[in-house]
Structure formats: C-alpha cells, structure tokens
Protein backbone atom coordinates (compact mmCIF):
# COMPACT_ATOMS: atom_id res chain seq x y z
CA MET A 1 114.38 -33.74 72.44
CA ALA A 2 118.00 -32.86 73.01
CA LYS A 3 119.50 -30.54 75.59
CA ILE A 4 122.05 -27.86 74.89
CA ALA A 5 125.49 -29.17 75.56
CA SER A 6 127.71 -26.38 74.57
CA VAL A 7 127.78 -22.88 73.19
CA GLU A 8 130.46 -20.92 71.31
CA VAL A 9 130.35 -17.10 70.99
CA LEU A 10 132.26 -15.38 68.27
CA GLN A 11 132.72 -11.95 66.87
CA VAL A 12 133.40 -11.83 63.06
CA ASN A 13 134.34 -8.57 61.50
CA LEU A 14 133.59 -8.06 57.79
CA LYS A 15 134.45 -4.99 55.71
CA PRO A 16 131.66 -3.58 53.48
CA LYS A 17 132.37 -4.06 49.85
CA VAL A 18 131.26 -0.62 48.85
CA LYS A 19 130.92 2.74 50.55
CA ARG A 20 127.66 3.04 52.32
CA THR A 21 126.42 6.55 53.49
CA ASP A 22 122.95 7.98 54.48
CA ALA A 23 121.60 11.03 55.94
CA VAL A 24 123.04 10.54 59.52
CA GLN A 25 125.82 7.92 59.37
CA SER A 26 128.21 5.63 57.46
CA PHE A 27 128.45 1.89 57.41
CA GLU A 28 132.02 1.47 58.74
CA LEU A 29 132.32 -2.18 59.57
CA GLN A 30 130.06 -5.18 59.99
CA GLU A 31 130.71 -6.50 63.41
CA THR A 32 128.94 -9.83 63.36
CA PRO A 33 128.22 -11.50 66.90
CA MET A 34 127.75 -15.19 66.28
CA VAL A 35 126.57 -18.07 68.40
CA ARG A 36 127.15 -21.65 67.67
CA ILE A 37 124.92 -24.12 69.77
CA THR A 38 125.53 -27.87 69.90
CA ASP A 39 123.02 -30.23 71.48
CA THR A 40 123.55 -33.55 73.18
CA ASP A 41 123.00 -35.44 69.95
CA GLY A 42 125.87 -33.46 68.26
CA VAL A 43 123.65 -31.36 66.07
CA THR A 44 124.78 -27.71 65.69
CA GLY A 45 123.09 -24.48 64.95
CA LEU A 46 124.77 -21.24 63.90
CA GLY A 47 123.18 -17.83 64.29
CA TYR A 48 124.17 -14.28 64.10
CA SER A 49 123.23 -10.51 64.18
CA TYR A 50 125.28 -7.46 63.29
CA THR A 51 126.29 -3.92 64.00
CA ILE A 52 127.42 -1.20 61.53
CA GLY A 53 130.74 -0.41 63.19
CA THR A 54 130.35 -0.03 66.95
CA GLY A 55 129.12 -2.04 69.89
CA GLY A 56 129.88 -5.67 68.73
CA SER A 57 132.20 -6.34 71.67
CA SER A 58 129.46 -5.24 74.06
CA VAL A 59 127.00 -7.65 72.48
CA CYS A 60 129.52 -10.38 72.87
CA LYS A 61 130.12 -9.45 76.44
CA LEU A 62 126.45 -9.60 77.33
CA LEU A 63 126.27 -12.99 75.54
CA ASP A 64 129.29 -14.41 77.41
CA ASP A 65 128.52 -13.09 80.97
CA HIS A 66 124.79 -13.18 81.20
CA LEU A 67 122.81 -14.98 78.49
CA VAL A 68 124.83 -17.98 77.29
CA PRO A 69 125.25 -19.55 80.66
CA VAL A 70 121.45 -19.75 81.05
CA LEU A 71 121.20 -21.95 77.91
CA LEU A 72 123.43 -24.87 79.13
CA GLY A 73 121.41 -27.86 79.96
CA GLN A 74 118.08 -26.45 78.53
CA GLU A 75 116.00 -28.15 75.92
CA ALA A 76 117.09 -26.76 72.64
CA GLU A 77 113.57 -27.02 71.18
CA ASP A 78 112.03 -24.76 73.75
CA ILE A 79 112.80 -21.67 71.63
CA ASP A 80 109.86 -19.30 72.77
CA GLY A 81 110.30 -20.19 76.36
CA LEU A 82 114.06 -19.72 76.14
CA TRP A 83 113.58 -16.33 74.48
CA ARG A 84 111.38 -15.10 77.19
CA ARG A 85 113.59 -16.42 79.88
CA LEU A 86 116.64 -14.71 78.47
CA PHE A 87 114.69 -11.43 77.90
CA TYR A 88 113.75 -11.33 81.47
CA ARG A 89 117.20 -12.29 82.56
CA VAL A 90 118.31 -8.88 81.32
CA HIS A 91 114.98 -7.16 81.71
CA ALA A 92 116.44 -4.07 83.22
CA LEU A 93 118.34 -3.33 80.00
CA THR A 94 115.54 -3.89 77.62
CA VAL A 95 114.20 -2.87 75.17
CA GLY A 96 117.18 -1.73 73.19
CA PRO A 97 119.77 -2.65 70.43
CA VAL A 98 122.46 -4.31 72.42
CA CYS A 99 120.08 -6.80 74.10
CA SER A 100 118.16 -7.34 70.91
CA LEU A 101 121.24 -8.07 68.88
CA ALA A 102 122.46 -10.60 71.62
CA LEU A 103 119.06 -12.25 71.70
CA ALA A 104 118.92 -12.49 67.99
CA ALA A 105 122.30 -14.35 67.86
CA ILE A 106 121.10 -16.99 70.11
CA ASP A 107 117.52 -17.10 68.73
CA THR A 108 118.66 -17.55 65.08
CA ALA A 109 121.07 -20.32 66.28
CA LEU A 110 118.27 -22.21 67.93
CA TRP A 111 116.04 -21.94 64.83
CA ASP A 112 119.03 -23.17 62.67
CA LEU A 113 119.30 -26.00 65.13
CA ARG A 114 115.54 -26.77 64.99
CA ALA A 115 115.53 -26.79 61.13
CA ARG A 116 118.70 -28.95 60.91
CA ARG A 117 117.16 -31.47 63.32
CA ALA A 118 113.99 -31.49 61.41
CA LYS A 119 115.94 -31.67 58.17
CA LEU A 120 113.99 -28.85 56.67
CA PRO A 121 114.80 -25.38 55.47
CA LEU A 122 113.87 -22.21 57.52
CA HIS A 123 111.19 -21.14 55.21
CA ARG A 124 109.26 -24.41 55.55
CA VAL A 125 109.85 -24.77 59.28
CA ALA A 126 108.63 -21.17 59.93
CA GLY A 127 105.51 -21.26 57.81
CA GLY A 128 106.10 -22.22 54.18
CA ALA A 129 103.92 -19.53 52.51
CA LYS A 130 105.84 -19.06 49.21
CA ASP A 131 108.69 -20.23 47.10
CA SER A 132 110.27 -16.80 46.20
CA ILE A 133 110.26 -13.06 46.82
CA PRO A 134 110.99 -10.03 44.56
CA LEU A 135 114.14 -8.06 45.04
CA TYR A 136 115.08 -4.34 45.11
CA SER A 137 118.44 -2.96 45.26
CA THR A 138 119.85 -0.62 47.86
CA GLU A 139 123.50 -0.80 46.81
CA GLY A 140 123.15 2.00 44.01
CA GLY A 141 121.44 4.73 45.87
CA TRP A 142 123.81 5.98 48.70
CA LEU A 143 123.68 9.60 49.61
CA HIS A 144 127.26 10.27 48.62
CA MET A 145 126.74 9.16 44.96
CA ASP A 146 126.40 11.85 42.26
CA GLU A 147 123.57 11.93 39.82
CA ALA A 148 125.45 10.02 37.03
CA GLU A 149 126.21 7.20 39.42
CA LEU A 150 122.63 7.01 40.50
CA ILE A 151 121.41 6.59 36.98
CA ASP A 152 124.12 4.02 36.05
CA GLU A 153 123.27 1.87 39.21
CA ALA A 154 119.52 2.09 38.62
CA VAL A 155 119.80 1.19 34.94
CA LYS A 156 122.06 -1.79 35.91
CA ALA A 157 119.62 -3.00 38.54
CA LYS A 158 116.75 -2.88 36.20
CA GLU A 159 118.58 -4.75 33.49
CA LEU A 160 119.51 -7.47 36.09
CA GLY A 161 115.67 -7.87 36.70
CA PHE A 162 115.33 -6.11 40.00
CA GLY A 163 111.90 -4.65 40.45
CA GLY A 164 113.04 -1.38 42.12
CA GLY A 165 115.87 0.43 43.92
CA LYS A 166 116.28 2.54 46.89
CA LEU A 167 117.61 6.10 46.97
CA LYS A 168 118.74 7.69 50.11
CA VAL A 169 117.22 11.19 50.63
CA GLY A 170 118.30 13.88 53.14
CA ARG A 171 120.28 16.44 50.95
CA ASP A 172 120.27 20.01 52.43
CA HIS A 173 117.32 21.19 50.30
CA VAL A 174 114.21 19.35 49.14
CA SER A 175 115.01 20.41 45.65
CA GLU A 176 118.21 18.37 45.68
CA ASP A 177 116.34 15.20 46.68
CA VAL A 178 113.57 15.79 44.06
CA ARG A 179 116.17 16.26 41.41
CA ARG A 180 117.97 13.04 42.29
CA ILE A 181 114.78 11.02 42.32
CA SER A 182 113.55 12.59 39.07
CA ILE A 183 116.57 11.83 36.99
CA VAL A 184 116.29 8.17 38.05
CA ARG A 185 112.59 8.17 37.30
CA ASP A 186 113.15 9.57 33.90
CA ARG A 187 115.64 6.94 32.96
CA VAL A 188 113.85 3.78 34.46
CA GLY A 189 110.37 4.68 33.58
CA PRO A 190 107.02 4.58 35.56
CA GLU A 191 106.86 0.86 36.17
CA TRP A 192 110.17 0.54 38.11
CA GLU A 193 109.72 1.11 41.95
CA ILE A 194 111.73 3.75 43.63
CA MET A 195 112.00 3.51 47.30
CA THR A 196 113.30 6.34 49.39
CA ASP A 197 114.97 6.40 52.84
CA ALA A 198 115.74 9.31 55.18
CA ASN A 199 117.15 7.34 58.02
CA GLN A 200 115.28 9.42 60.61
CA GLY A 201 116.83 12.56 59.35
CA PHE A 202 113.84 14.92 59.26
CA THR A 203 111.52 16.79 61.58
CA VAL A 204 107.80 16.17 61.09
CA GLU A 205 107.34 19.40 59.35
CA GLU A 206 110.18 18.85 56.90
CA ALA A 207 109.03 15.21 56.35
CA ILE A 208 105.58 16.47 55.38
CA ARG A 209 107.04 19.00 53.09
CA ARG A 210 109.23 16.47 51.28
CA ALA A 211 106.50 13.83 51.12
CA ARG A 212 104.30 16.26 49.22
CA GLN A 213 107.03 16.96 46.73
CA PHE A 214 107.65 13.15 46.36
CA GLU A 215 103.94 12.43 45.54
CA ALA A 216 104.31 13.48 41.92
CA LEU A 217 107.31 11.14 41.51
CA ASP A 218 105.20 8.13 42.42
CA ILE A 219 107.67 6.63 45.01
CA ALA A 220 107.03 3.22 46.54
CA TRP A 221 107.60 4.32 50.04
CA PHE A 222 109.19 7.07 52.31
CA GLU A 223 111.27 5.09 54.83
CA GLU A 224 112.19 6.28 58.31
CA PRO A 225 111.53 9.95 57.75
CA ILE A 226 111.35 10.84 61.47
CA HIS A 227 112.84 9.57 64.58
CA ALA A 228 111.46 6.09 65.36
CA ASP A 229 110.31 6.87 68.78
CA ASP A 230 107.80 9.52 67.66
CA ILE A 231 104.67 7.73 66.74
CA GLY A 232 102.56 10.86 66.86
CA ALA A 233 104.78 12.55 64.15
CA HIS A 234 104.54 9.54 61.95
CA ARG A 235 100.76 9.53 62.31
CA ARG A 236 100.65 13.19 61.24
CA LEU A 237 102.87 12.53 58.34
CA ALA A 238 100.74 9.48 57.19
CA ALA A 239 97.59 11.43 57.36
CA SER A 240 99.22 14.28 55.32
CA THR A 241 100.36 12.27 52.19
CA SER A 242 99.49 9.59 49.80
CA VAL A 243 103.09 8.28 49.90
CA PRO A 244 103.30 4.98 51.95
CA ILE A 245 105.31 5.37 55.11
CA ALA A 246 107.80 2.59 56.08
CA VAL A 247 109.19 2.02 59.49
CA GLY A 248 110.75 -0.77 61.40
CA GLU A 249 114.57 -1.09 61.26
CA SER A 250 115.03 1.04 64.43
CA MET A 251 112.28 -0.57 66.45
CA TYR A 252 113.07 -3.21 69.01
CA SER A 253 109.81 -4.69 70.38
CA LEU A 254 106.51 -6.26 69.24
CA SER A 255 104.80 -3.58 71.36
CA GLN A 256 106.29 -0.75 69.25
CA PHE A 257 105.08 -2.26 66.04
CA LYS A 258 101.61 -2.79 67.60
CA ASP A 259 101.35 0.91 68.48
CA TYR A 260 102.33 1.98 65.13
CA LEU A 261 99.93 -0.32 63.28
CA ALA A 262 97.05 0.37 65.58
CA SER A 263 97.46 4.16 65.24
CA GLY A 264 97.76 4.12 61.44
CA ALA A 265 101.20 5.65 61.67
CA CYS A 266 102.77 3.31 58.96
CA SER A 267 101.73 1.35 55.95
CA ILE A 268 104.85 -0.78 55.48
CA VAL A 269 106.68 -2.78 58.22
CA GLN A 270 110.47 -3.23 57.89
CA THR A 271 111.21 -5.31 60.95
CA ASP A 272 114.94 -6.37 61.16
CA VAL A 273 115.44 -9.94 62.52
CA ALA A 274 118.60 -8.86 64.44
CA ARG A 275 117.17 -5.58 65.91
CA ILE A 276 113.81 -7.20 66.88
CA GLY A 277 115.73 -9.92 68.78
CA GLY A 278 115.57 -13.04 66.46
CA ILE A 279 113.28 -15.10 64.33
CA THR A 280 110.80 -15.68 67.22
CA PRO A 281 109.80 -12.09 67.52
CA TRP A 282 110.18 -11.42 63.88
CA LEU A 283 107.51 -13.90 63.08
CA LYS A 284 105.17 -12.26 65.74
CA VAL A 285 105.58 -8.93 64.06
CA ALA A 286 104.97 -10.29 60.59
CA HIS A 287 101.78 -12.01 61.75
CA LEU A 288 100.69 -8.87 63.61
CA ALA A 289 101.19 -6.80 60.42
CA GLU A 290 99.26 -9.34 58.41
CA ALA A 291 96.26 -8.79 60.70
CA PHE A 292 96.32 -5.15 59.82
CA ASN A 293 96.71 -6.01 56.11
CA VAL A 294 100.22 -4.36 56.06
CA PRO A 295 103.14 -5.88 53.97
CA VAL A 296 106.49 -6.82 55.41
CA CYS A 297 109.65 -5.59 53.73
CA PRO A 298 112.50 -6.37 56.07
CA HIS A 299 115.65 -4.33 56.56
CA PHE A 300 119.05 -5.60 55.53
CA LEU A 301 120.28 -9.23 56.47
CA MET A 302 119.18 -10.44 52.94
CA GLU A 303 120.60 -13.96 53.46
CA LEU A 304 118.56 -14.58 56.71
CA HIS A 305 115.43 -12.55 55.59
CA LEU A 306 115.01 -14.51 52.52
CA GLY A 307 113.75 -17.66 54.30
CA LEU A 308 111.68 -15.61 56.64
CA CYS A 309 110.02 -13.71 53.67
CA CYS A 310 109.04 -17.02 52.10
CA ALA A 311 107.72 -18.22 55.50
CA VAL A 312 104.97 -15.59 55.70
CA PRO A 313 102.26 -14.48 53.30
CA ASN A 314 102.38 -10.77 53.61
CA SER A 315 106.07 -10.33 52.57
CA ARG A 316 106.33 -7.97 49.54
CA TRP A 317 110.08 -7.17 48.95
CA LEU A 318 113.55 -8.33 49.93
CA GLU A 319 116.25 -5.78 50.12
CA TYR A 320 119.34 -6.64 48.08
CA ILE A 321 122.46 -5.86 49.98
CA PRO A 322 125.10 -8.60 49.80
CA GLN A 323 126.52 -9.10 53.31
CA LEU A 324 128.12 -12.41 53.75
CA ASP A 325 130.01 -12.97 50.51
CA LEU A 326 133.27 -13.14 52.33
CA VAL A 327 132.28 -16.02 54.50
CA THR A 328 129.96 -18.11 52.25
CA HIS A 329 130.56 -20.60 49.51
CA SER A 330 127.68 -19.34 47.42
CA SER A 331 125.26 -16.43 47.21
CA ILE A 332 121.49 -16.62 47.28
CA GLU A 333 119.79 -17.97 44.14
CA ILE A 334 118.43 -15.16 41.95
CA SER A 335 116.35 -15.52 38.74
CA ALA A 336 114.52 -12.76 36.83
CA GLY A 337 114.57 -10.41 39.88
CA ARG A 338 113.29 -12.85 42.32
CA ALA A 339 115.25 -14.61 45.23
CA TYR A 340 114.73 -18.22 45.90
CA PRO A 341 115.54 -19.80 49.42
CA SER A 342 117.74 -22.81 49.69
CA ASP A 343 116.07 -26.19 50.37
CA ALA A 344 119.14 -27.21 52.51
CA PRO A 345 118.21 -27.79 56.15
CA GLY A 346 118.76 -24.81 58.40
CA LEU A 347 118.74 -21.04 57.77
CA GLY A 348 119.73 -21.62 54.22
CA ILE A 349 123.22 -19.93 54.48
CA ASP A 350 126.12 -21.86 52.80
CA TRP A 351 128.75 -20.89 55.39
CA ASP A 352 132.47 -21.09 54.36
CA LEU A 353 133.77 -21.91 57.91
CA GLU A 354 137.48 -21.76 56.90
CA ALA A 355 136.84 -18.22 55.58
CA LEU A 356 134.83 -17.32 58.67
CA GLU A 357 137.68 -18.34 60.94
CA ARG A 358 139.96 -15.77 59.26
CA HIS A 359 137.76 -12.86 60.33
CA VAL A 360 137.16 -13.94 63.98
CA VAL A 361 138.25 -11.30 66.52
CA HIS A 362 136.61 -12.85 69.59
CA ARG A 363 135.93 -16.40 70.74
CA ALA A 364 134.58 -17.86 73.95
CA ARG A 365 133.55 -21.46 74.64
CA HIS A 366 130.89 -22.41 77.15
CA GLY A 367 129.92 -25.85 78.51
C-alpha cells in the first residue's frame, strides 16, 4: 500500500446552464470544493462535493485548516478508518452540511485513488451490481416554468427516452400544483413517471392535503414534502396516503436514514453522496435501505451517482441534471433512456483539467 504524500484543495465555481428554482430557493452557483490526493507511488485521486451558491469557501477553509493536514502520511487505502478519524476530528461540528461536504470531497478522492490503483471503475470496486440505470429528468420541471414550458420539456424528455420527469410543486394553492401535474400527465400518458418535489415547503397538514389530491394523478413519488428533521410528520404523511414518500437529500447521517426507515416514514431513499459525507457512508445507507426493501434514487450529482447506482442492487432511478459539462471532455453515456457507467479506472468522470483550471477561485497545497 502507498501513503498519502500530498493533497491539493480547490474551489471551482460553475454557473448553472439553466435557471433552477423550487419552492424555497434558487440554484445560484455551483461552488465545487475539490480535493486532489497523490500517494507515494504518484497515483492521484480527484474528488469533489458542491454547494448551490453559498458556503463553498467555508468548506474549503475546514479542509485546509482541520481535515487535510490529518491525511498526510496516512495509508490511502484505509478509507473507512480515515473517514471515521476525520469525522471525530471535527465531531463538535457534526452532523451538518459543511462537515459532510468537506468529508465528501476527501472521501470521493480516496475512492477515485483506490479505483485507479486497482485499474477498475467505481461501479465495480464498490459492488458491481448492474451495468446501467434508467434516467428521469429534472431540468424541465422548475417552479418558475409556465404550463406550456412544462409540456414542451416533458414531451422532449419522453422523446429522448427518459422514463420520467420531475415537477416542482409548492405553488400558492393546491389547485395550481394539480393543474400543472395534470396537463403534463395528459400529454405524456399514464406509463410515463411523474415525480414531484416540494423541497420541504409544506406543513404536515398541507402535505397530507396535497398528497391526497396527487393520488389520482398516479405520481411516482412526493419528495421532501416537509422539513427533513420531522420524522413524526413524515410518518403521519406516509400513513395517510398511497403516494410514495421520498426523502434524503437534506439528511446528513446514517442514523437519520435508519430512523426514517425503521419508523416507516419513507418509501424511497434519495441519499446525496456529497451531503452524506462521501461514498463510504453513501454505500452504508444504500445497503441499509436494501435491508428494508427500499429503493435508492439519489439526489443530483449525476456523474458521480451513476457509478454508485450501478454498484448496488436496489437503485431504481438516476436523476438527470447535467452538472459538469463545463469541465469534462465528454458527458455520461446514455442510450434508450438508460445511463451506462464508464469502464475507465476511477470515478468515471472524464475531467478536462485545462477547463477546470479556468474556473478555480481557491487553491491550497499541502505536503
């Protein structure tokens, strides 16, 4: 095995290609904390996480001052041990997004390094359960879009072979949400899946009210209907409706997912590899969900989640939101509405390092 010889911390800022709005926020800027780890054999792994417009510099500061110095001289292959050591290094600050995003940048770099040393792609190193995953699109369902745009985008996604699409909900009155879903359903037919996402915008009473209205529209799931901290409210909602309840993008620990699954408060897990703290805890959540016979449909980070979805048997959908086009040579492989992971060693992301350099706003070298 080889020890960690040097680490580079970067922040790369990427502008979203399209306007993205939901019930509570807008996606202003993808701040991308990145970590490049080089071992004593000269092999390098590159990992990353993200924010949607604020906090990226805080994540990098935590990396530079408190986490990355611990890595130097450690065995690069001791990934689980290093994750726990780093977690307890900042234990008073956990659990929460800043720590998780910092840990994820390191952990994904270590997994990239492991896969490159093994000369294997991530989906095989992490499990090798399947060779592809079906896609649904989120890019055509943002809350600011009018009804004509929603129809056009849904029809386009269906023609491209996507198996479904996501519509943001959270308009002032339930009738508005119902109308927007209904017009899309009328155009795409009953066999095309419609996912809905409230981004934690409702009280439990309003979520129950809207879910009952959504039942007749046969939606695939009702995502983040209530604040993610309120397990009891989600349990009440899940018991009141036949609509599957999806949670996970705003949860930051294995224990949170355990509590949701054990209490029957969700039926779809959407763990986000950046917000859960990296590939190491992501896989633990996926296997935990498998024990409850619950599917995994991860949030965002399409390029990274592709390999992870193909590593585990209970993945069901990959969310299509192109994220890294500005800094990669090629996009993921898509055929007939399914995404296929790269067989190249590592995370499977075809980085354009020259383009990446043009978007760097912070750099620090350690070791």
